[in-house]
Each structure stands twice: as structure tokens, then as C-alpha cells.
Amino acid sequence: MTTSWNRKDQHIHYAEMQYNQSKSNGLDGVRFVHQSFSEISVKDVSLHTNLGTLKLTVPFFINAMTGGSDKATIINKNLAYVARETNVAMAVGSISIALNDTTQQESFKIVRKTNPNGVIFANLGAHHSVENAKRAVDLIEANALQLHLNTPQELVMPEGDRDFSSWLKNIESIVNRLNVPVIVKEVGFGMSKETIQQLIDVGVTIIDVAGKGGTNFIEIENQRRELKEYSYLYDWGQTTAESLLEARKFSSQAAIVASGGIKTPLDMLKSFGLGAVATGLSGEFLHLILTKGTDETIQQIERFKAELTHLMVLVGAQSISTIKDQPLVLDSQLTNWCYQRHLPIN
């Protein structure tokens, strides 16, 4: 196992290495039915959306990435600057390290310092206590808290957790006692309808299905091992498209977020067509920040806004919430998934 450099920096390194790998988030298997008459104008389109009580002016955001090292401090500062300039929400990486080591707090605090009026999500693992959840929120004056689910990552991580028996109970306690919204998210392995039902049953109302197709944390943690035993698990989990199909019937009970390999406005549009109300991007923005810098990242986000607006006109949807009403066709792989999982196709 590599120990000569910070684990958080290793995560950044291996995540960026994965950027150009050929992976499928499953959304290629989703197609809108083209209609020749749109009947709306670009000026009619609104990109506003709601995550429970959170109001977002842009339906995509910078999802959780990093924190807990000098390099992470620079990345988070740059991402927070981009978020401020484009008015998009931003999540930080897991704050757990800063709760145990106060010298690492600045790598998270820098986000609020840089973007004092923005929408910012704190992030912790689901095993943390209510007290830790409050500390994480207070540290960056967060507007919401993400609780991440990462069992496969922990099991492959050499120093990872091995006891997951308290997670659901912890989530319930945090949802009931925290004074900001709680978002429960996967970390790239997708969600099932059973998991989503369990979360709704304990009071969760914002769920990020975070499907397979983006950064693969089994692969990252396996690369950190001396012996690469777990390479056979690189395909574990549900894609983003499969996870959204699993989540569709719950759209009236929870706000569904799509993440996991989202790279283009068309990925976003298809996610909204499958019932998501917002999308989170990590790998795409990390790559831009590391290779192009803040100015180009800002320009790309502005292009995303314009292109998404045009795509909404193309399908005749004035708002994010009405995109799901437009007709879709699924390929045979996704149709077969629906059949075997007893999910509605339309």
C-alpha cells in the first residue's frame, strides 16, 4: 500500500487518471422522441429547480470531491470561486478528516470564505453521529449535509470501515435532529428501489443515486493496495440510468439527484427525463480545474447553461420538472433491466 503521500491526494490522482477511461453511465440507452413542434421559446425556459426546501438557480452542481490536504485546499478554493462566479451549488468532500485533525479544517473552510453567499453542502460518511453532523455543517456554514454511502469503497480500502450495522439508524437520527436538509448519496455504485425505500422510510427526502459510470472508488482503493485483489469488482453496481429507473416511482416522495458519469447537458436532460430534479458533476469539473483552470471551467459551465436551455426547447419543456413528461424510449438493455426488476418502462 502506498503510504508516502496523503490518501486524499491519492484519491485526486487516481480519479483524474480515470477521466478518459471508457465507461458507460447507461444514459446512451435513453432517447427522447423528437417532436417537430416545440411550441416554446428560449426565453420561456427556466433552469430553476428545488431540492426539497433548497432553491437552486441552476439544476446542476459541483458534487463532492475533496478536502484534507494542501492540494485539496487549492482545488476547493478554485472550485468555490467557480461556483461563486456561475451561481452553482457546491459540495465539499468528506469533512471527517477535519473533525479529527483541526489542521485540515482550512481545506474545507476555504469554500465558505471564497463563496460567502453560495449554496454549499457539507459531506460526511453515514456512520457519523448527530454531533459530528452538526460540527460538519457548522464548520463551513453549510446549507445542507450530504451523507455518503460507500460500502464497496470501505471494504476495498486497506484502512476502511468493516462495520456498517449502524448506518441507517444514524441517518434517521441525523435527519430528525439536523436543522438543514440532509441529502443521502451513493459514491458511484448506484441505488436500488429497496435502498431508496429504506431511506424514505427513515425520513430522507433528497436522494442522490450516484450511479456507476463516473469515478470508480473500488478501482481507486484497489490501486492503493499492495496486492490488487479486487479488480474483478470494477463493474460492481448499477449505472446512473439503471439507478434512475429504480428511483422513478419515488419522485413524489423524494427529490432525486442524478450523478455518476454526468458529462454533458444531454446527460443532464436524460436524467431529468428519468425523474431527477438536479444533477451533480465531480469528475468533469475536477478535470477542468486541474487541466484548464478556473476561467475555462467558468466558461464551460456557462456553455452548459446555454446548451441545456436549448435542449429543453428542443423537447418542449419550460421547466426542469416537466422534462419527465416528454416521451422517452429505452434500449433493450434498460428495458430488460426494467422487466427483471419489475419496474415500469414508461
Protein backbone atom coordinates (compact mmCIF):
# COMPACT_ATOMS: atom_id res chain seq x y z
CA MET A 1 0.00 0.00 0.00
CA THR A 2 1.27 3.47 -0.86
CA THR A 3 1.82 5.49 2.32
CA SER A 4 4.24 8.22 1.19
CA TRP A 5 1.53 10.68 0.27
CA ASN A 6 -1.80 11.80 1.65
CA ARG A 7 -4.76 9.46 1.00
CA LYS A 8 -6.87 12.41 -0.16
CA ASP A 9 -4.21 13.36 -2.71
CA GLN A 10 -4.11 9.76 -3.87
CA HIS A 11 -7.87 9.92 -4.46
CA ILE A 12 -7.46 13.07 -6.57
CA HIS A 13 -4.63 11.49 -8.56
CA TYR A 14 -6.45 8.24 -9.33
CA ALA A 15 -9.77 10.00 -10.02
CA GLU A 16 -8.11 12.20 -12.64
CA MET A 17 -6.40 9.14 -14.15
CA GLN A 18 -9.86 7.62 -14.68
CA TYR A 19 -11.25 10.63 -16.54
CA ASN A 20 -10.50 9.42 -20.06
CA GLN A 21 -11.41 5.79 -19.42
CA SER A 22 -14.31 4.47 -21.47
CA LYS A 23 -17.20 3.99 -19.05
CA SER A 24 -20.95 3.92 -19.51
CA ASN A 25 -23.40 5.67 -17.23
CA GLY A 26 -26.19 3.90 -19.12
CA LEU A 27 -27.73 7.10 -20.43
CA ASP A 28 -26.75 6.25 -24.01
CA GLY A 29 -29.61 3.76 -23.77
CA VAL A 30 -32.14 6.58 -23.24
CA ARG A 31 -33.56 8.54 -26.18
CA PHE A 32 -36.11 11.32 -26.41
CA VAL A 33 -38.69 11.04 -29.17
CA HIS A 34 -38.12 14.01 -31.43
CA GLN A 35 -41.14 16.24 -31.93
CA SER A 36 -41.05 18.71 -34.83
CA PHE A 37 -43.06 21.36 -32.98
CA SER A 38 -41.53 22.65 -29.76
CA GLU A 39 -44.09 25.41 -29.22
CA ILE A 40 -41.92 27.30 -26.72
CA SER A 41 -39.23 29.98 -26.91
CA VAL A 42 -35.78 30.05 -25.34
CA LYS A 43 -36.97 32.95 -23.17
CA ASP A 44 -39.72 30.71 -21.76
CA VAL A 45 -37.23 28.26 -20.22
CA SER A 46 -36.27 28.33 -16.53
CA LEU A 47 -33.31 26.41 -15.13
CA HIS A 48 -34.50 26.85 -11.54
CA THR A 49 -35.13 23.72 -9.53
CA ASN A 50 -35.81 22.71 -5.93
CA LEU A 51 -34.09 20.15 -3.71
CA GLY A 52 -36.69 19.97 -1.01
CA THR A 53 -36.50 23.39 0.62
CA LEU A 54 -33.28 24.25 -1.20
CA LYS A 55 -33.80 26.51 -4.19
CA LEU A 56 -31.19 26.20 -6.94
CA THR A 57 -30.96 28.66 -9.82
CA VAL A 58 -29.04 26.08 -11.86
CA PRO A 59 -30.07 22.38 -11.96
CA PHE A 60 -26.51 21.02 -11.91
CA PHE A 61 -23.87 21.48 -9.23
CA ILE A 62 -20.28 20.72 -8.29
CA ASN A 63 -20.54 17.43 -6.44
CA ALA A 64 -18.37 16.21 -3.55
CA MET A 65 -14.70 15.72 -4.38
CA THR A 66 -12.01 16.52 -1.87
CA GLY A 67 -10.62 18.17 1.24
CA GLY A 68 -8.00 17.33 3.83
CA SER A 69 -4.68 18.27 2.19
CA ASP A 70 -2.78 21.28 0.89
CA LYS A 71 -3.58 20.28 -2.69
CA ALA A 72 -7.25 19.84 -1.78
CA THR A 73 -7.28 23.33 -0.27
CA ILE A 74 -6.22 24.82 -3.60
CA ILE A 75 -8.74 22.72 -5.54
CA ASN A 76 -11.59 23.60 -3.18
CA LYS A 77 -10.69 27.29 -3.32
CA ASN A 78 -10.73 27.21 -7.11
CA LEU A 79 -13.99 25.26 -7.26
CA ALA A 80 -15.60 27.66 -4.77
CA TYR A 81 -14.52 30.59 -6.94
CA VAL A 82 -16.07 28.92 -9.98
CA ALA A 83 -19.27 28.21 -8.03
CA ARG A 84 -19.46 31.84 -6.91
CA GLU A 85 -18.95 33.22 -10.40
CA THR A 86 -21.51 30.88 -12.02
CA ASN A 87 -24.04 30.73 -9.17
CA VAL A 88 -23.98 26.93 -8.97
CA ALA A 89 -24.15 24.96 -5.74
CA MET A 90 -21.10 23.06 -4.49
CA ALA A 91 -20.45 20.11 -2.20
CA VAL A 92 -17.16 19.52 -0.42
CA GLY A 93 -15.57 16.13 0.10
CA SER A 94 -15.89 14.22 3.35
CA ILE A 95 -15.21 16.52 6.32
CA SER A 96 -14.44 13.54 8.56
CA ILE A 97 -10.70 14.18 8.45
CA ALA A 98 -11.18 17.75 9.69
CA LEU A 99 -13.23 16.61 12.68
CA ASN A 100 -10.25 14.60 13.90
CA ASP A 101 -7.44 16.87 12.74
CA THR A 102 -8.03 20.60 13.12
CA THR A 103 -5.04 21.38 10.89
CA GLN A 104 -7.13 20.14 7.94
CA GLN A 105 -10.12 22.39 8.58
CA GLU A 106 -8.87 25.18 6.33
CA SER A 107 -9.17 22.92 3.26
CA PHE A 108 -12.94 23.00 3.86
CA LYS A 109 -13.40 26.45 5.41
CA ILE A 110 -11.84 27.99 2.31
CA VAL A 111 -15.01 27.17 0.38
CA ARG A 112 -17.24 29.39 2.50
CA LYS A 113 -14.58 32.10 2.69
CA THR A 114 -14.36 32.17 -1.09
CA ASN A 115 -18.10 31.89 -1.70
CA PRO A 116 -19.78 33.53 1.31
CA ASN A 117 -23.29 33.66 -0.18
CA GLY A 118 -23.35 30.44 -2.18
CA VAL A 119 -25.24 27.19 -1.65
CA ILE A 120 -22.73 24.78 -0.10
CA PHE A 121 -23.18 21.17 1.00
CA ALA A 122 -21.12 19.60 3.77
CA ASN A 123 -20.30 15.89 3.46
CA LEU A 124 -19.81 13.00 5.89
CA GLY A 125 -19.99 9.23 5.92
CA ALA A 126 -23.24 7.66 7.07
CA HIS A 127 -21.63 6.18 10.20
CA HIS A 128 -21.14 9.57 11.85
CA SER A 129 -23.07 10.77 14.87
CA VAL A 130 -25.52 13.63 15.04
CA GLU A 131 -22.92 15.67 16.89
CA ASN A 132 -20.39 15.17 14.10
CA ALA A 133 -23.03 16.07 11.54
CA LYS A 134 -23.67 19.36 13.34
CA ARG A 135 -19.94 20.05 13.56
CA ALA A 136 -19.51 19.43 9.83
CA VAL A 137 -22.35 21.79 8.97
CA ASP A 138 -21.10 24.48 11.35
CA LEU A 139 -17.53 24.25 10.05
CA ILE A 140 -18.47 25.62 6.63
CA GLU A 141 -21.86 27.16 7.47
CA ALA A 142 -23.39 24.61 5.09
CA ASN A 143 -26.85 24.92 3.58
CA ALA A 144 -27.25 21.12 3.56
CA LEU A 145 -25.43 17.96 4.54
CA GLN A 146 -24.60 15.08 2.23
CA LEU A 147 -24.29 11.68 3.90
CA HIS A 148 -22.43 9.33 1.59
CA LEU A 149 -22.92 5.58 1.26
CA ASN A 150 -19.74 3.79 0.21
CA THR A 151 -19.72 0.21 1.47
CA PRO A 152 -17.78 -1.19 -1.54
CA GLN A 153 -15.13 1.52 -1.21
CA GLU A 154 -14.70 0.93 2.52
CA LEU A 155 -14.32 -2.82 2.08
CA VAL A 156 -11.63 -2.45 -0.59
CA MET A 157 -9.89 0.45 1.18
CA PRO A 158 -6.99 -1.02 3.18
CA GLU A 159 -7.80 1.13 6.22
CA GLY A 160 -11.57 1.26 5.59
CA ASP A 161 -14.52 0.56 7.89
CA ARG A 162 -15.72 -3.00 8.40
CA ASP A 163 -18.91 -2.42 10.42
CA PHE A 164 -21.95 -0.98 8.61
CA SER A 165 -24.66 -2.04 11.03
CA SER A 166 -25.49 1.45 12.34
CA TRP A 167 -25.72 3.42 9.09
CA LEU A 168 -29.47 3.51 8.59
CA LYS A 169 -30.11 4.30 12.25
CA ASN A 170 -27.53 7.10 12.15
CA ILE A 171 -29.13 8.58 9.05
CA GLU A 172 -32.53 8.59 10.72
CA SER A 173 -31.14 10.36 13.80
CA ILE A 174 -29.38 12.99 11.71
CA VAL A 175 -32.44 13.64 9.53
CA ASN A 176 -34.57 14.12 12.64
CA ARG A 177 -32.18 16.37 14.52
CA LEU A 178 -30.26 18.43 11.99
CA ASN A 179 -31.55 21.90 11.16
CA VAL A 180 -30.51 21.82 7.49
CA PRO A 181 -31.67 19.45 4.72
CA VAL A 182 -29.98 16.05 4.51
CA ILE A 183 -29.00 14.57 1.15
CA VAL A 184 -28.12 10.88 1.14
CA LYS A 185 -25.87 9.92 -1.76
CA GLU A 186 -24.05 6.93 -3.13
CA VAL A 187 -20.45 7.36 -4.31
CA GLY A 188 -20.75 5.76 -7.72
CA PHE A 189 -22.31 2.33 -7.27
CA GLY A 190 -25.94 3.33 -7.81
CA MET A 191 -29.06 2.67 -5.79
CA SER A 192 -31.84 0.11 -5.84
CA LYS A 193 -35.54 0.64 -5.22
CA GLU A 194 -35.10 -1.26 -1.94
CA THR A 195 -32.39 1.15 -0.74
CA ILE A 196 -34.46 4.16 -1.76
CA GLN A 197 -37.49 2.81 0.10
CA GLN A 198 -35.37 2.29 3.23
CA LEU A 199 -34.16 5.87 3.06
CA ILE A 200 -37.65 7.28 2.57
CA ASP A 201 -38.90 5.16 5.48
CA VAL A 202 -36.42 6.90 7.83
CA GLY A 203 -37.37 10.37 6.62
CA VAL A 204 -34.87 11.13 3.85
CA THR A 205 -36.36 13.45 1.22
CA ILE A 206 -33.33 14.18 -1.01
CA ILE A 207 -31.52 11.23 -2.59
CA ASP A 208 -28.53 11.25 -4.95
CA VAL A 209 -28.48 7.86 -6.70
CA ALA A 210 -24.84 8.38 -7.88
CA GLY A 211 -24.65 5.54 -10.37
CA LYS A 212 -21.83 3.61 -11.96
CA GLY A 213 -20.22 5.36 -14.91
CA GLY A 214 -18.04 8.02 -13.34
CA THR A 215 -15.25 7.83 -10.77
CA ASN A 216 -14.84 4.24 -9.57
CA PHE A 217 -13.81 4.11 -5.92
CA ILE A 218 -13.31 0.35 -5.92
CA GLU A 219 -10.66 0.88 -8.59
CA ILE A 220 -9.13 3.81 -6.71
CA GLU A 221 -8.85 1.90 -3.44
CA ASN A 222 -7.61 -1.22 -5.20
CA GLN A 223 -4.83 0.83 -6.78
CA ARG A 224 -3.79 1.83 -3.28
CA ARG A 225 -3.35 -1.81 -2.23
CA GLU A 226 -0.07 -3.70 -2.49
CA LEU A 227 -1.96 -6.64 -3.99
CA LYS A 228 -4.69 -5.66 -6.46
CA GLU A 229 -7.11 -8.37 -5.33
CA TYR A 230 -10.37 -6.63 -6.18
CA SER A 231 -10.02 -5.83 -9.89
CA TYR A 232 -12.88 -8.25 -10.60
CA LEU A 233 -15.23 -5.82 -8.82
CA TYR A 234 -14.63 -2.88 -11.15
CA ASP A 235 -18.03 -3.38 -12.78
CA TRP A 236 -19.95 -3.58 -9.49
CA GLY A 237 -23.19 -1.63 -9.09
CA GLN A 238 -25.99 -0.04 -11.09
CA THR A 239 -25.39 2.57 -13.76
CA THR A 240 -26.83 6.05 -13.38
CA ALA A 241 -29.60 5.20 -15.87
CA GLU A 242 -30.49 1.96 -14.06
CA SER A 243 -30.50 3.78 -10.73
CA LEU A 244 -32.82 6.47 -12.05
CA LEU A 245 -35.18 3.79 -13.32
CA GLU A 246 -35.12 2.27 -9.84
CA ALA A 247 -35.93 5.69 -8.37
CA ARG A 248 -38.67 6.84 -10.76
CA LYS A 249 -41.64 5.67 -8.74
CA PHE A 250 -40.40 7.62 -5.71
CA SER A 251 -40.27 11.03 -7.39
CA SER A 252 -43.33 12.24 -5.47
CA GLN A 253 -41.76 11.21 -2.14
CA ALA A 254 -38.20 12.46 -2.56
CA ALA A 255 -36.18 14.83 -4.71
CA ILE A 256 -33.96 12.61 -6.86
CA VAL A 257 -30.47 13.76 -7.84
CA ALA A 258 -28.53 12.09 -10.65
CA SER A 259 -24.76 11.80 -10.57
CA GLY A 260 -22.19 9.32 -11.79
CA GLY A 261 -20.51 10.00 -15.13
CA ILE A 262 -22.63 13.05 -15.99
CA LYS A 263 -20.54 14.98 -18.53
CA THR A 264 -22.83 16.80 -20.96
CA PRO A 265 -26.09 18.77 -20.99
CA LEU A 266 -27.64 15.82 -22.86
CA ASP A 267 -26.74 13.54 -19.92
CA MET A 268 -28.47 16.08 -17.69
CA LEU A 269 -31.55 16.26 -19.91
CA LYS A 270 -31.90 12.47 -19.98
CA SER A 271 -31.50 12.35 -16.19
CA PHE A 272 -34.30 14.89 -15.82
CA GLY A 273 -36.36 12.85 -18.27
CA LEU A 274 -35.98 9.89 -15.92
CA GLY A 275 -37.20 11.91 -12.95
CA ALA A 276 -34.17 13.64 -11.46
CA VAL A 277 -34.56 17.27 -10.41
CA ALA A 278 -30.83 18.06 -10.32
CA THR A 279 -27.53 16.57 -11.42
CA GLY A 280 -24.14 16.55 -9.74
CA LEU A 281 -20.80 16.54 -11.58
CA SER A 282 -17.48 15.69 -9.98
CA GLY A 283 -15.03 14.16 -12.44
CA GLU A 284 -15.87 16.61 -15.21
CA PHE A 285 -15.21 19.67 -13.06
CA LEU A 286 -12.14 18.16 -11.38
CA HIS A 287 -10.62 17.52 -14.80
CA LEU A 288 -11.39 21.05 -15.96
CA ILE A 289 -9.92 22.66 -12.84
CA LEU A 290 -6.75 20.55 -12.99
CA THR A 291 -6.14 20.88 -16.73
CA LYS A 292 -7.79 24.14 -17.85
CA GLY A 293 -8.06 26.34 -14.76
CA THR A 294 -10.86 28.43 -13.31
CA ASP A 295 -11.59 30.68 -16.28
CA GLU A 296 -12.16 27.81 -18.70
CA THR A 297 -14.23 25.96 -16.10
CA ILE A 298 -16.44 29.04 -15.70
CA GLN A 299 -16.82 29.30 -19.47
CA GLN A 300 -17.75 25.62 -19.69
CA ILE A 301 -20.43 25.98 -17.03
CA GLU A 302 -21.90 28.96 -18.86
CA ARG A 303 -21.92 26.90 -22.05
CA PHE A 304 -23.66 24.09 -20.18
CA LYS A 305 -26.37 26.51 -19.04
CA ALA A 306 -26.97 27.78 -22.57
CA GLU A 307 -26.90 24.34 -24.15
CA LEU A 308 -29.23 22.84 -21.55
CA THR A 309 -31.67 25.69 -22.18
CA HIS A 310 -31.61 24.91 -25.91
CA LEU A 311 -32.13 21.20 -25.27
CA MET A 312 -35.14 21.97 -23.11
CA VAL A 313 -36.59 23.97 -26.00
CA LEU A 314 -35.87 21.00 -28.27
CA VAL A 315 -38.09 18.73 -26.14
CA GLY A 316 -40.66 21.44 -25.41
CA ALA A 317 -40.05 21.70 -21.66
CA GLN A 318 -40.20 25.10 -19.96
CA SER A 319 -39.04 23.79 -16.58
CA ILE A 320 -36.89 21.01 -15.17
CA SER A 321 -39.93 19.35 -13.60
CA THR A 322 -41.74 18.99 -16.95
CA ILE A 323 -38.90 17.23 -18.78
CA LYS A 324 -40.04 13.92 -17.27
CA ASP A 325 -43.35 14.32 -19.11
CA GLN A 326 -41.67 14.10 -22.51
CA PRO A 327 -41.74 10.70 -24.27
CA LEU A 328 -38.66 8.51 -23.94
CA VAL A 329 -37.54 5.24 -25.49
CA LEU A 330 -35.20 2.82 -23.68
CA ASP A 331 -32.82 0.43 -25.38
CA SER A 332 -33.10 -3.34 -24.94
CA GLN A 333 -30.62 -3.47 -22.07
CA LEU A 334 -32.53 -0.95 -19.98
CA THR A 335 -35.87 -2.47 -20.97
CA ASN A 336 -34.58 -5.86 -19.80
CA TRP A 337 -33.44 -4.28 -16.53
CA CYS A 338 -36.95 -2.90 -16.01
CA TYR A 339 -38.50 -6.27 -16.84
CA GLN A 340 -36.34 -8.24 -14.40
CA ARG A 341 -36.64 -5.61 -11.67
CA HIS A 342 -40.42 -5.18 -12.14
CA LEU A 343 -40.08 -1.50 -12.98
CA PRO A 344 -42.38 0.45 -15.33
CA ILE A 345 -40.85 1.18 -18.72
CA ASN A 346 -42.97 4.28 -19.35
